Amino acid sequence: MAQDLTATALVRLNALHNSTFAAVAGRRSSLERLSSVLVASSLVNNALALALQANPGEGELPSGSRPHDGPAGTARQAEGILLIVGHLDEAASRLERSATACRHLAADIVRDLTGVESCRTH
């Protein structure tokens, strides 16, 4: 999902670069906000990777032990679950903020382009 967001944002950035938006005064701040969305999507990917890494069933265990052996295994599993939940919460929060930023940015771009078009017709 985060990779799709990044890819879509890059496609949209290229479309904006080749559109009448390039002539809009103040477009720089919109493009900077779009770049911050790209950064946020990268951080989402990082949080998801950290969630995978925190999986207590992965990684090296002492020779002869199983992932859920005794109190140490239970503690390792509980710690892993807390880490995974934390990373997934972070990813979800960043995705939500990115979606909100994208909606606001899209509305601003449409408003700016509408303003440019109305100036051309008058």
PDB file of N, CA and C in Angstrom:
ATOM      1  N   MET A   1       0.819  -1.178   0.000  1.00  0.00           N
ATOM      2  CA  MET A   1       0.000   0.000   0.000  1.00  0.00           C
ATOM      3  C   MET A   1       0.873   1.256   0.000  1.00  0.00           C
ATOM      4  N   ALA A   2       1.859   1.319   0.856  1.00  0.00           N
ATOM      5  CA  ALA A   2       2.720   2.499   0.925  1.00  0.00           C
ATOM      6  C   ALA A   2       3.520   2.650  -0.358  1.00  0.00           C
ATOM      7  N   GLN A   3       3.935   1.530  -0.953  1.00  0.00           N
ATOM      8  CA  GLN A   3       4.667   1.608  -2.215  1.00  0.00           C
ATOM      9  C   GLN A   3       3.760   2.122  -3.323  1.00  0.00           C
ATOM     10  N   ASP A   4       2.497   1.730  -3.292  1.00  0.00           N
ATOM     11  CA  ASP A   4       1.532   2.245  -4.267  1.00  0.00           C
ATOM     12  C   ASP A   4       1.348   3.749  -4.091  1.00  0.00           C
ATOM     13  N   LEU A   5       1.283   4.200  -2.841  1.00  0.00           N
ATOM     14  CA  LEU A   5       1.148   5.629  -2.560  1.00  0.00           C
ATOM     15  C   LEU A   5       2.341   6.388  -3.129  1.00  0.00           C
ATOM     16  N   THR A   6       3.531   5.872  -2.922  1.00  0.00           N
ATOM     17  CA  THR A   6       4.737   6.512  -3.436  1.00  0.00           C
ATOM     18  C   THR A   6       4.717   6.554  -4.965  1.00  0.00           C
ATOM     19  N   ALA A   7       4.398   5.434  -5.581  1.00  0.00           N
ATOM     20  CA  ALA A   7       4.364   5.374  -7.050  1.00  0.00           C
ATOM     21  C   ALA A   7       3.318   6.332  -7.609  1.00  0.00           C
ATOM     22  N   THR A   8       2.140   6.355  -7.010  1.00  0.00           N
ATOM     23  CA  THR A   8       1.074   7.249  -7.474  1.00  0.00           C
ATOM     24  C   THR A   8       1.480   8.706  -7.312  1.00  0.00           C
ATOM     25  N   ALA A   9       2.088   9.024  -6.186  1.00  0.00           N
ATOM     26  CA  ALA A   9       2.512  10.412  -5.953  1.00  0.00           C
ATOM     27  C   ALA A   9       3.561  10.837  -6.981  1.00  0.00           C
ATOM     28  N   LEU A  10       4.475   9.944  -7.337  1.00  0.00           N
ATOM     29  CA  LEU A  10       5.481  10.274  -8.347  1.00  0.00           C
ATOM     30  C   LEU A  10       4.849  10.490  -9.719  1.00  0.00           C
ATOM     31  N   VAL A  11       3.866   9.670 -10.073  1.00  0.00           N
ATOM     32  CA  VAL A  11       3.154   9.849 -11.337  1.00  0.00           C
ATOM     33  C   VAL A  11       2.436  11.195 -11.349  1.00  0.00           C
ATOM     34  N   ARG A  12       1.781  11.516 -10.230  1.00  0.00           N
ATOM     35  CA  ARG A  12       1.054  12.793 -10.138  1.00  0.00           C
ATOM     36  C   ARG A  12       2.010  13.981 -10.190  1.00  0.00           C
ATOM     37  N   LEU A  13       3.159  13.840  -9.550  1.00  0.00           N
ATOM     38  CA  LEU A  13       4.153  14.913  -9.568  1.00  0.00           C
ATOM     39  C   LEU A  13       4.618  15.172 -11.002  1.00  0.00           C
ATOM     40  N   ASN A  14       4.846  14.124 -11.751  1.00  0.00           N
ATOM     41  CA  ASN A  14       5.256  14.270 -13.149  1.00  0.00           C
ATOM     42  C   ASN A  14       4.133  14.913 -13.964  1.00  0.00           C
ATOM     43  N   ALA A  15       2.893  14.506 -13.717  1.00  0.00           N
ATOM     44  CA  ALA A  15       1.758  15.104 -14.437  1.00  0.00           C
ATOM     45  C   ALA A  15       1.646  16.593 -14.120  1.00  0.00           C
ATOM     46  N   LEU A  16       1.848  16.958 -12.869  1.00  0.00           N
ATOM     47  CA  LEU A  16       1.808  18.373 -12.493  1.00  0.00           C
ATOM     48  C   LEU A  16       2.930  19.150 -13.166  1.00  0.00           C
ATOM     49  N   HIS A  17       4.096  18.535 -13.226  1.00  0.00           N
ATOM     50  CA  HIS A  17       5.245  19.185 -13.848  1.00  0.00           C
ATOM     51  C   HIS A  17       4.957  19.522 -15.314  1.00  0.00           C
ATOM     52  N   ASN A  18       4.210  18.660 -15.979  1.00  0.00           N
ATOM     53  CA  ASN A  18       3.911  18.840 -17.403  1.00  0.00           C
ATOM     54  C   ASN A  18       2.575  19.538 -17.657  1.00  0.00           C
ATOM     55  N   SER A  19       1.942  20.070 -16.639  1.00  0.00           N
ATOM     56  CA  SER A  19       0.625  20.705 -16.794  1.00  0.00           C
ATOM     57  C   SER A  19       0.720  22.216 -16.663  1.00  0.00           C
ATOM     58  N   THR A  20      -0.443  22.859 -16.751  1.00  0.00           N
ATOM     59  CA  THR A  20      -0.492  24.311 -16.560  1.00  0.00           C
ATOM     60  C   THR A  20      -0.175  24.695 -15.120  1.00  0.00           C
ATOM     61  N   PHE A  21      -0.153  23.726 -14.231  1.00  0.00           N
ATOM     62  CA  PHE A  21       0.175  24.004 -12.833  1.00  0.00           C
ATOM     63  C   PHE A  21       1.583  24.576 -12.702  1.00  0.00           C
ATOM     64  N   ALA A  22       2.450  24.223 -13.643  1.00  0.00           N
ATOM     65  CA  ALA A  22       3.832  24.725 -13.600  1.00  0.00           C
ATOM     66  C   ALA A  22       3.879  26.246 -13.687  1.00  0.00           C
ATOM     67  N   ALA A  23       2.808  26.862 -14.227  1.00  0.00           N
ATOM     68  CA  ALA A  23       2.769  28.321 -14.378  1.00  0.00           C
ATOM     69  C   ALA A  23       2.080  29.021 -13.201  1.00  0.00           C
ATOM     70  N   VAL A  24       1.559  28.270 -12.267  1.00  0.00           N
ATOM     71  CA  VAL A  24       0.811  28.853 -11.151  1.00  0.00           C
ATOM     72  C   VAL A  24       1.764  29.481 -10.140  1.00  0.00           C
ATOM     73  N   ALA A  25       1.467  30.724  -9.784  1.00  0.00           N
ATOM     74  CA  ALA A  25       2.255  31.389  -8.736  1.00  0.00           C
ATOM     75  C   ALA A  25       2.023  30.663  -7.414  1.00  0.00           C
ATOM     76  N   GLY A  26       3.063  30.470  -6.646  1.00  0.00           N
ATOM     77  CA  GLY A  26       2.934  29.816  -5.344  1.00  0.00           C
ATOM     78  C   GLY A  26       2.889  28.306  -5.409  1.00  0.00           C
ATOM     79  N   ARG A  27       3.113  27.731  -6.585  1.00  0.00           N
ATOM     80  CA  ARG A  27       3.037  26.274  -6.727  1.00  0.00           C
ATOM     81  C   ARG A  27       4.121  25.564  -5.925  1.00  0.00           C
ATOM     82  N   ARG A  28       5.179  26.283  -5.621  1.00  0.00           N
ATOM     83  CA  ARG A  28       6.313  25.683  -4.911  1.00  0.00           C
ATOM     84  C   ARG A  28       5.874  25.067  -3.579  1.00  0.00           C
ATOM     85  N   SER A  29       5.029  25.765  -2.835  1.00  0.00           N
ATOM     86  CA  SER A  29       4.607  25.216  -1.538  1.00  0.00           C
ATOM     87  C   SER A  29       3.791  23.943  -1.713  1.00  0.00           C
ATOM     88  N   SER A  30       2.991  23.878  -2.780  1.00  0.00           N
ATOM     89  CA  SER A  30       2.234  22.653  -3.042  1.00  0.00           C
ATOM     90  C   SER A  30       3.160  21.507  -3.384  1.00  0.00           C
ATOM     91  N   LEU A  31       4.168  21.781  -4.176  1.00  0.00           N
ATOM     92  CA  LEU A  31       5.116  20.727  -4.539  1.00  0.00           C
ATOM     93  C   LEU A  31       5.927  20.283  -3.324  1.00  0.00           C
ATOM     94  N   GLU A  32       6.231  21.211  -2.430  1.00  0.00           N
ATOM     95  CA  GLU A  32       6.943  20.836  -1.201  1.00  0.00           C
ATOM     96  C   GLU A  32       6.060  19.951  -0.324  1.00  0.00           C
ATOM     97  N   ARG A  33       4.761  20.254  -0.273  1.00  0.00           N
ATOM     98  CA  ARG A  33       3.850  19.398   0.496  1.00  0.00           C
ATOM     99  C   ARG A  33       3.754  18.019  -0.135  1.00  0.00           C
ATOM    100  N   LEU A  34       3.752  17.959  -1.465  1.00  0.00           N
ATOM    101  CA  LEU A  34       3.709  16.667  -2.137  1.00  0.00           C
ATOM    102  C   LEU A  34       4.981  15.874  -1.834  1.00  0.00           C
ATOM    103  N   SER A  35       6.102  16.546  -1.812  1.00  0.00           N
ATOM    104  CA  SER A  35       7.339  15.831  -1.486  1.00  0.00           C
ATOM    105  C   SER A  35       7.308  15.332  -0.046  1.00  0.00           C
ATOM    106  N   SER A  36       6.661  16.060   0.866  1.00  0.00           N
ATOM    107  CA  SER A  36       6.556  15.577   2.249  1.00  0.00           C
ATOM    108  C   SER A  36       5.671  14.334   2.327  1.00  0.00           C
ATOM    109  N   VAL A  37       4.690  14.234   1.439  1.00  0.00           N
ATOM    110  CA  VAL A  37       3.869  13.020   1.375  1.00  0.00           C
ATOM    111  C   VAL A  37       4.731  11.842   0.923  1.00  0.00           C
ATOM    112  N   LEU A  38       5.629  12.081  -0.012  1.00  0.00           N
ATOM    113  CA  LEU A  38       6.530  11.016  -0.457  1.00  0.00           C
ATOM    114  C   LEU A  38       7.444  10.561   0.677  1.00  0.00           C
ATOM    115  N   VAL A  39       7.930  11.509   1.455  1.00  0.00           N
ATOM    116  CA  VAL A  39       8.771  11.165   2.607  1.00  0.00           C
ATOM    117  C   VAL A  39       7.958  10.344   3.605  1.00  0.00           C
ATOM    118  N   ALA A  40       6.731  10.781   3.866  1.00  0.00           N
ATOM    119  CA  ALA A  40       5.872  10.058   4.818  1.00  0.00           C
ATOM    120  C   ALA A  40       5.616   8.632   4.348  1.00  0.00           C
ATOM    121  N   SER A  41       5.409   8.450   3.035  1.00  0.00           N
ATOM    122  CA  SER A  41       5.160   7.089   2.547  1.00  0.00           C
ATOM    123  C   SER A  41       6.405   6.215   2.706  1.00  0.00           C
ATOM    124  N   SER A  42       7.566   6.813   2.584  1.00  0.00           N
ATOM    125  CA  SER A  42       8.807   6.077   2.822  1.00  0.00           C
ATOM    126  C   SER A  42       8.899   5.650   4.286  1.00  0.00           C
ATOM    127  N   LEU A  43       8.493   6.530   5.183  1.00  0.00           N
ATOM    128  CA  LEU A  43       8.504   6.203   6.611  1.00  0.00           C
ATOM    129  C   LEU A  43       7.483   5.110   6.937  1.00  0.00           C
ATOM    130  N   VAL A  44       6.378   5.071   6.196  1.00  0.00           N
ATOM    131  CA  VAL A  44       5.402   3.992   6.364  1.00  0.00           C
ATOM    132  C   VAL A  44       6.063   2.667   5.993  1.00  0.00           C
ATOM    133  N   ASN A  45       6.748   2.658   4.860  1.00  0.00           N
ATOM    134  CA  ASN A  45       7.456   1.434   4.450  1.00  0.00           C
ATOM    135  C   ASN A  45       8.443   1.001   5.520  1.00  0.00           C
ATOM    136  N   ASN A  46       9.145   1.948   6.111  1.00  0.00           N
ATOM    137  CA  ASN A  46      10.110   1.634   7.164  1.00  0.00           C
ATOM    138  C   ASN A  46       9.406   1.027   8.380  1.00  0.00           C
ATOM    139  N   ALA A  47       8.295   1.617   8.795  1.00  0.00           N
ATOM    140  CA  ALA A  47       7.561   1.097   9.954  1.00  0.00           C
ATOM    141  C   ALA A  47       7.058  -0.318   9.685  1.00  0.00           C
ATOM    142  N   LEU A  48       6.604  -0.581   8.458  1.00  0.00           N
ATOM    143  CA  LEU A  48       6.141  -1.929   8.117  1.00  0.00           C
ATOM    144  C   LEU A  48       7.303  -2.926   8.129  1.00  0.00           C
ATOM    145  N   ALA A  49       8.451  -2.507   7.645  1.00  0.00           N
ATOM    146  CA  ALA A  49       9.633  -3.384   7.671  1.00  0.00           C
ATOM    147  C   ALA A  49      10.044  -3.685   9.114  1.00  0.00           C
ATOM    148  N   LEU A  50       9.977  -2.663   9.976  1.00  0.00           N
ATOM    149  CA  LEU A  50      10.318  -2.875  11.384  1.00  0.00           C
ATOM    150  C   LEU A  50       9.330  -3.829  12.053  1.00  0.00           C
ATOM    151  N   ALA A  51       8.057  -3.752  11.660  1.00  0.00           N
ATOM    152  CA  ALA A  51       7.058  -4.685  12.213  1.00  0.00           C
ATOM    153  C   ALA A  51       7.396  -6.118  11.818  1.00  0.00           C
ATOM    154  N   LEU A  52       7.803  -6.313  10.576  1.00  0.00           N
ATOM    155  CA  LEU A  52       8.198  -7.661  10.139  1.00  0.00           C
ATOM    156  C   LEU A  52       9.432  -8.144  10.888  1.00  0.00           C
ATOM    157  N   GLN A  53      10.372  -7.237  11.072  1.00  0.00           N
ATOM    158  CA  GLN A  53      11.612  -7.592  11.762  1.00  0.00           C
ATOM    159  C   GLN A  53      11.361  -7.959  13.227  1.00  0.00           C
ATOM    160  N   ALA A  54      10.350  -7.351  13.836  1.00  0.00           N
ATOM    161  CA  ALA A  54      10.065  -7.583  15.251  1.00  0.00           C
ATOM    162  C   ALA A  54       9.361  -8.915  15.506  1.00  0.00           C
ATOM    163  N   ASN A  55       9.040  -9.664  14.463  1.00  0.00           N
ATOM    164  CA  ASN A  55       8.350 -10.939  14.607  1.00  0.00           C
ATOM    165  C   ASN A  55       9.185 -11.881  15.471  1.00  0.00           C
ATOM    166  N   PRO A  56       8.649 -12.292  16.624  1.00  0.00           N
ATOM    167  CA  PRO A  56       9.426 -13.145  17.525  1.00  0.00           C
ATOM    168  C   PRO A  56       9.678 -14.540  16.964  1.00  0.00           C
ATOM    169  N   GLY A  57       8.970 -14.926  15.934  1.00  0.00           N
ATOM    170  CA  GLY A  57       9.174 -16.240  15.331  1.00  0.00           C
ATOM    171  C   GLY A  57      10.311 -16.254  14.331  1.00  0.00           C
ATOM    172  N   GLU A  58      10.870 -15.089  14.044  1.00  0.00           N
ATOM    173  CA  GLU A  58      11.966 -14.976  13.088  1.00  0.00           C
ATOM    174  C   GLU A  58      13.270 -14.773  13.839  1.00  0.00           C
ATOM    175  N   GLY A  59      14.365 -14.954  13.166  1.00  0.00           N
ATOM    176  CA  GLY A  59      15.667 -14.690  13.775  1.00  0.00           C
ATOM    177  C   GLY A  59      16.286 -15.944  14.352  1.00  0.00           C
ATOM    178  N   GLU A  60      17.474 -15.746  14.883  1.00  0.00           N
ATOM    179  CA  GLU A  60      18.228 -16.869  15.424  1.00  0.00           C
ATOM    180  C   GLU A  60      17.879 -17.098  16.889  1.00  0.00           C
ATOM    181  N   LEU A  61      17.745 -18.349  17.241  1.00  0.00           N
ATOM    182  CA  LEU A  61      17.484 -18.751  18.624  1.00  0.00           C
ATOM    183  C   LEU A  61      18.665 -19.573  19.119  1.00  0.00           C
ATOM    184  N   PRO A  62      18.827 -19.630  20.425  1.00  0.00           N
ATOM    185  CA  PRO A  62      19.897 -20.478  20.956  1.00  0.00           C
ATOM    186  C   PRO A  62      19.739 -21.913  20.461  1.00  0.00           C
ATOM    187  N   SER A  63      20.839 -22.605  20.277  1.00  0.00           N
ATOM    188  CA  SER A  63      20.832 -23.970  19.756  1.00  0.00           C
ATOM    189  C   SER A  63      19.933 -24.876  20.595  1.00  0.00           C
ATOM    190  N   GLY A  64      19.064 -25.595  19.912  1.00  0.00           N
ATOM    191  CA  GLY A  64      18.199 -26.558  20.581  1.00  0.00           C
ATOM    192  C   GLY A  64      16.924 -25.983  21.168  1.00  0.00           C
ATOM    193  N   SER A  65      16.745 -24.672  21.139  1.00  0.00           N
ATOM    194  CA  SER A  65      15.508 -24.109  21.710  1.00  0.00           C
ATOM    195  C   SER A  65      14.493 -23.867  20.613  1.00  0.00           C
ATOM    196  N   ARG A  66      13.250 -23.797  21.034  1.00  0.00           N
ATOM    197  CA  ARG A  66      12.157 -23.500  20.112  1.00  0.00           C
ATOM    198  C   ARG A  66      11.650 -22.103  20.448  1.00  0.00           C
ATOM    199  N   PRO A  67      10.958 -21.426  19.506  1.00  0.00           N
ATOM    200  CA  PRO A  67      10.550 -20.043  19.706  1.00  0.00           C
ATOM    201  C   PRO A  67       9.704 -19.812  20.963  1.00  0.00           C
ATOM    202  N   HIS A  68       8.969 -20.807  21.408  1.00  0.00           N
ATOM    203  CA  HIS A  68       8.050 -20.570  22.524  1.00  0.00           C
ATOM    204  C   HIS A  68       8.406 -21.397  23.753  1.00  0.00           C
ATOM    205  N   ASP A  69       9.692 -21.751  23.908  1.00  0.00           N
ATOM    206  CA  ASP A  69      10.131 -22.556  25.051  1.00  0.00           C
ATOM    207  C   ASP A  69      10.135 -21.735  26.327  1.00  0.00           C
ATOM    208  N   GLY A  70       9.338 -22.153  27.306  1.00  0.00           N
ATOM    209  CA  GLY A  70       9.376 -21.607  28.656  1.00  0.00           C
ATOM    210  C   GLY A  70       9.137 -20.117  28.770  1.00  0.00           C
ATOM    211  N   PRO A  71       9.473 -19.572  29.937  1.00  0.00           N
ATOM    212  CA  PRO A  71       9.237 -18.158  30.217  1.00  0.00           C
ATOM    213  C   PRO A  71       9.990 -17.216  29.273  1.00  0.00           C
ATOM    214  N   ALA A  72      11.186 -17.597  28.881  1.00  0.00           N
ATOM    215  CA  ALA A  72      11.951 -16.731  27.972  1.00  0.00           C
ATOM    216  C   ALA A  72      11.245 -16.627  26.621  1.00  0.00           C
ATOM    217  N   GLY A  73      10.719 -17.750  26.126  1.00  0.00           N
ATOM    218  CA  GLY A  73       9.988 -17.736  24.858  1.00  0.00           C
ATOM    219  C   GLY A  73       8.713 -16.926  24.951  1.00  0.00           C
ATOM    220  N   THR A  74       8.023 -17.062  26.078  1.00  0.00           N
ATOM    221  CA  THR A  74       6.788 -16.292  26.289  1.00  0.00           C
ATOM    222  C   THR A  74       7.090 -14.801  26.355  1.00  0.00           C
ATOM    223  N   ALA A  75       8.161 -14.442  27.057  1.00  0.00           N
ATOM    224  CA  ALA A  75       8.555 -13.027  27.164  1.00  0.00           C
ATOM    225  C   ALA A  75       8.965 -12.482  25.799  1.00  0.00           C
ATOM    226  N   ARG A  76       9.708 -13.290  25.045  1.00  0.00           N
ATOM    227  CA  ARG A  76      10.146 -12.870  23.711  1.00  0.00           C
ATOM    228  C   ARG A  76       8.933 -12.643  22.808  1.00  0.00           C
ATOM    229  N   GLN A  77       7.960 -13.528  22.896  1.00  0.00           N
ATOM    230  CA  GLN A  77       6.751 -13.400  22.081  1.00  0.00           C
ATOM    231  C   GLN A  77       5.955 -12.158  22.490  1.00  0.00           C
ATOM    232  N   ALA A  78       5.795 -11.916  23.773  1.00  0.00           N
ATOM    233  CA  ALA A  78       5.044 -10.746  24.245  1.00  0.00           C
ATOM    234  C   ALA A  78       5.729  -9.449  23.816  1.00  0.00           C
ATOM    235  N   GLU A  79       7.054  -9.406  23.941  1.00  0.00           N
ATOM    236  CA  GLU A  79       7.795  -8.223  23.523  1.00  0.00           C
ATOM    237  C   GLU A  79       7.661  -7.992  22.022  1.00  0.00           C
ATOM    238  N   GLY A  80       7.754  -9.074  21.261  1.00  0.00           N
ATOM    239  CA  GLY A  80       7.611  -8.970  19.809  1.00  0.00           C
ATOM    240  C   GLY A  80       6.249  -8.455  19.401  1.00  0.00           C
ATOM    241  N   ILE A  81       5.220  -8.947  20.061  1.00  0.00           N
ATOM    242  CA  ILE A  81       3.852  -8.501  19.749  1.00  0.00           C
ATOM    243  C   ILE A  81       3.705  -7.012  20.033  1.00  0.00           C
ATOM    244  N   LEU A  82       4.233  -6.547  21.163  1.00  0.00           N
ATOM    245  CA  LEU A  82       4.163  -5.117  21.481  1.00  0.00           C
ATOM    246  C   LEU A  82       4.897  -4.274  20.437  1.00  0.00           C
ATOM    247  N   LEU A  83       6.060  -4.741  20.014  1.00  0.00           N
ATOM    248  CA  LEU A  83       6.814  -4.016  18.986  1.00  0.00           C
ATOM    249  C   LEU A  83       6.059  -3.975  17.663  1.00  0.00           C
ATOM    250  N   ILE A  84       5.516  -5.120  17.269  1.00  0.00           N
ATOM    251  CA  ILE A  84       4.763  -5.190  16.012  1.00  0.00           C
ATOM    252  C   ILE A  84       3.574  -4.238  16.046  1.00  0.00           C
ATOM    253  N   VAL A  85       2.807  -4.281  17.129  1.00  0.00           N
ATOM    254  CA  VAL A  85       1.644  -3.407  17.257  1.00  0.00           C
ATOM    255  C   VAL A  85       2.063  -1.940  17.197  1.00  0.00           C
ATOM    256  N   GLY A  86       3.149  -1.598  17.869  1.00  0.00           N
ATOM    257  CA  GLY A  86       3.634  -0.218  17.844  1.00  0.00           C
ATOM    258  C   GLY A  86       4.014   0.231  16.441  1.00  0.00           C
ATOM    259  N   HIS A  87       4.732  -0.624  15.712  1.00  0.00           N
ATOM    260  CA  HIS A  87       5.139  -0.282  14.344  1.00  0.00           C
ATOM    261  C   HIS A  87       3.932  -0.194  13.408  1.00  0.00           C
ATOM    262  N   LEU A  88       2.980  -1.102  13.568  1.00  0.00           N
ATOM    263  CA  LEU A  88       1.772  -1.045  12.735  1.00  0.00           C
ATOM    264  C   LEU A  88       0.940   0.197  13.045  1.00  0.00           C
ATOM    265  N   ASP A  89       0.858   0.568  14.325  1.00  0.00           N
ATOM    266  CA  ASP A  89       0.155   1.810  14.692  1.00  0.00           C
ATOM    267  C   ASP A  89       0.819   3.019  14.061  1.00  0.00           C
ATOM    268  N   GLU A  90       2.159   3.029  14.096  1.00  0.00           N
ATOM    269  CA  GLU A  90       2.895   4.136  13.487  1.00  0.00           C
ATOM    270  C   GLU A  90       2.620   4.203  11.985  1.00  0.00           C
ATOM    271  N   ALA A  91       2.649   3.060  11.315  1.00  0.00           N
ATOM    272  CA  ALA A  91       2.392   3.019   9.871  1.00  0.00           C
ATOM    273  C   ALA A  91       0.982   3.502   9.560  1.00  0.00           C
ATOM    274  N   ALA A  92       0.006   3.037  10.323  1.00  0.00           N
ATOM    275  CA  ALA A  92      -1.383   3.450  10.089  1.00  0.00           C
ATOM    276  C   ALA A  92      -1.560   4.946  10.313  1.00  0.00           C
ATOM    277  N   SER A  93      -0.950   5.458  11.349  1.00  0.00           N
ATOM    278  CA  SER A  93      -1.046   6.888  11.641  1.00  0.00           C
ATOM    279  C   SER A  93      -0.415   7.717  10.527  1.00  0.00           C
ATOM    280  N   ARG A  94       0.741   7.301  10.066  1.00  0.00           N
ATOM    281  CA  ARG A  94       1.414   8.027   8.971  1.00  0.00           C
ATOM    282  C   ARG A  94       0.600   7.952   7.680  1.00  0.00           C
ATOM    283  N   LEU A  95      -0.001   6.800   7.407  1.00  0.00           N
ATOM    284  CA  LEU A  95      -0.837   6.677   6.213  1.00  0.00           C
ATOM    285  C   LEU A  95      -2.054   7.595   6.302  1.00  0.00           C
ATOM    286  N   GLU A  96      -2.654   7.649   7.475  1.00  0.00           N
ATOM    287  CA  GLU A  96      -3.819   8.526   7.663  1.00  0.00           C
ATOM    288  C   GLU A  96      -3.435   9.989   7.450  1.00  0.00           C
ATOM    289  N   ARG A  97      -2.320  10.408   8.040  1.00  0.00           N
ATOM    290  CA  ARG A  97      -1.873  11.799   7.853  1.00  0.00           C
ATOM    291  C   ARG A  97      -1.523  12.077   6.399  1.00  0.00           C
ATOM    292  N   SER A  98      -0.929  11.110   5.728  1.00  0.00           N
ATOM    293  CA  SER A  98      -0.607  11.280   4.313  1.00  0.00           C
ATOM    294  C   SER A  98      -1.871  11.414   3.473  1.00  0.00           C
ATOM    295  N   ALA A  99      -2.862  10.606   3.767  1.00  0.00           N
ATOM    296  CA  ALA A  99      -4.122  10.688   3.028  1.00  0.00           C
ATOM    297  C   ALA A  99      -4.781  12.052   3.221  1.00  0.00           C
ATOM    298  N   THR A 100      -4.782  12.543   4.449  1.00  0.00           N
ATOM    299  CA  THR A 100      -5.341  13.865   4.725  1.00  0.00           C
ATOM    300  C   THR A 100      -4.565  14.941   3.982  1.00  0.00           C
ATOM    301  N   ALA A 101      -3.249  14.854   4.021  1.00  0.00           N
ATOM    302  CA  ALA A 101      -2.411  15.830   3.316  1.00  0.00           C
ATOM    303  C   ALA A 101      -2.666  15.775   1.815  1.00  0.00           C
ATOM    304  N   CYS A 102      -2.844  14.579   1.271  1.00  0.00           N
ATOM    305  CA  CYS A 102      -3.124  14.434  -0.160  1.00  0.00           C
ATOM    306  C   CYS A 102      -4.457  15.081  -0.529  1.00  0.00           C
ATOM    307  N   ARG A 103      -5.479  14.876   0.302  1.00  0.00           N
ATOM    308  CA  ARG A 103      -6.788  15.489   0.018  1.00  0.00           C
ATOM    309  C   ARG A 103      -6.699  17.006   0.029  1.00  0.00           C
ATOM    310  N   HIS A 104      -6.027  17.552   1.032  1.00  0.00           N
ATOM    311  CA  HIS A 104      -5.879  19.014   1.119  1.00  0.00           C
ATOM    312  C   HIS A 104      -5.063  19.540  -0.055  1.00  0.00           C
ATOM    313  N   LEU A 105      -3.999  18.845  -0.374  1.00  0.00           N
ATOM    314  CA  LEU A 105      -3.144  19.256  -1.476  1.00  0.00           C
ATOM    315  C   LEU A 105      -3.910  19.220  -2.798  1.00  0.00           C
ATOM    316  N   ALA A 106      -4.668  18.158  -3.023  1.00  0.00           N
ATOM    317  CA  ALA A 106      -5.452  18.049  -4.261  1.00  0.00           C
ATOM    318  C   ALA A 106      -6.457  19.196  -4.365  1.00  0.00           C
ATOM    319  N   ALA A 107      -7.120  19.519  -3.270  1.00  0.00           N
ATOM    320  CA  ALA A 107      -8.089  20.630  -3.280  1.00  0.00           C
ATOM    321  C   ALA A 107      -7.381  21.947  -3.588  1.00  0.00           C
ATOM    322  N   ASP A 108      -6.208  22.153  -3.002  1.00  0.00           N
ATOM    323  CA  ASP A 108      -5.441  23.377  -3.260  1.00  0.00           C
ATOM    324  C   ASP A 108      -5.013  23.466  -4.726  1.00  0.00           C
ATOM    325  N   ILE A 109      -4.558  22.354  -5.280  1.00  0.00           N
ATOM    326  CA  ILE A 109      -4.107  22.344  -6.675  1.00  0.00           C
ATOM    327  C   ILE A 109      -5.283  22.630  -7.612  1.00  0.00           C
ATOM    328  N   VAL A 110      -6.402  21.990  -7.352  1.00  0.00           N
ATOM    329  CA  VAL A 110      -7.596  22.241  -8.180  1.00  0.00           C
ATOM    330  C   VAL A 110      -7.991  23.707  -8.083  1.00  0.00           C
ATOM    331  N   ARG A 111      -7.977  24.256  -6.882  1.00  0.00           N
ATOM    332  CA  ARG A 111      -8.321  25.673  -6.695  1.00  0.00           C
ATOM    333  C   ARG A 111      -7.343  26.571  -7.456  1.00  0.00           C
ATOM    334  N   ASP A 112      -6.051  26.267  -7.349  1.00  0.00           N
ATOM    335  CA  ASP A 112      -5.045  27.069  -8.050  1.00  0.00           C
ATOM    336  C   ASP A 112      -5.213  26.981  -9.562  1.00  0.00           C
ATOM    337  N   LEU A 113      -5.447  25.772 -10.072  1.00  0.00           N
ATOM    338  CA  LEU A 113      -5.615  25.604 -11.515  1.00  0.00           C
ATOM    339  C   LEU A 113      -6.899  26.272 -12.004  1.00  0.00           C
ATOM    340  N   THR A 114      -7.948  26.196 -11.203  1.00  0.00           N
ATOM    341  CA  THR A 114      -9.199  26.859 -11.562  1.00  0.00           C
ATOM    342  C   THR A 114      -8.983  28.365 -11.625  1.00  0.00           C
ATOM    343  N   GLY A 115      -8.206  28.891 -10.692  1.00  0.00           N
ATOM    344  CA  GLY A 115      -7.895  30.320 -10.690  1.00  0.00           C
ATOM    345  C   GLY A 115      -7.109  30.728 -11.918  1.00  0.00           C
ATOM    346  N   VAL A 116      -6.157  29.891 -12.337  1.00  0.00           N
ATOM    347  CA  VAL A 116      -5.360  30.186 -13.531  1.00  0.00           C
ATOM    348  C   VAL A 116      -6.243  30.169 -14.768  1.00  0.00           C
ATOM    349  N   GLU A 117      -7.100  29.169 -14.869  1.00  0.00           N
ATOM    350  CA  GLU A 117      -7.998  29.056 -16.035  1.00  0.00           C
ATOM    351  C   GLU A 117      -8.981  30.217 -16.096  1.00  0.00           C
ATOM    352  N   SER A 118      -9.508  30.629 -14.933  1.00  0.00           N
ATOM    353  CA  SER A 118     -10.471  31.743 -14.956  1.00  0.00           C
ATOM    354  C   SER A 118      -9.777  33.063 -15.320  1.00  0.00           C
ATOM    355  N   CYS A 119      -8.507  33.214 -14.939  1.00  0.00           N
ATOM    356  CA  CYS A 119      -7.744  34.406 -15.326  1.00  0.00           C
ATOM    357  C   CYS A 119      -7.500  34.428 -16.832  1.00  0.00           C
ATOM    358  N   ARG A 120      -7.297  33.279 -17.425  1.00  0.00           N
ATOM    359  CA  ARG A 120      -7.055  33.195 -18.872  1.00  0.00           C
ATOM    360  C   ARG A 120      -8.292  33.507 -19.687  1.00  0.00           C
ATOM    361  N   THR A 121      -9.465  33.184 -19.143  1.00  0.00           N
ATOM    362  CA  THR A 121     -10.703  33.413 -19.885  1.00  0.00           C
ATOM    363  C   THR A 121     -11.220  34.828 -19.743  1.00  0.00           C
ATOM    364  N   HIS A 122     -10.705  35.567 -18.786  1.00  0.00           N
ATOM    365  CA  HIS A 122     -11.182  36.950 -18.591  1.00  0.00           C
ATOM    366  C   HIS A 122     -10.315  37.952 -19.255  1.00  0.00           C
TER     367      HIS A 122
END
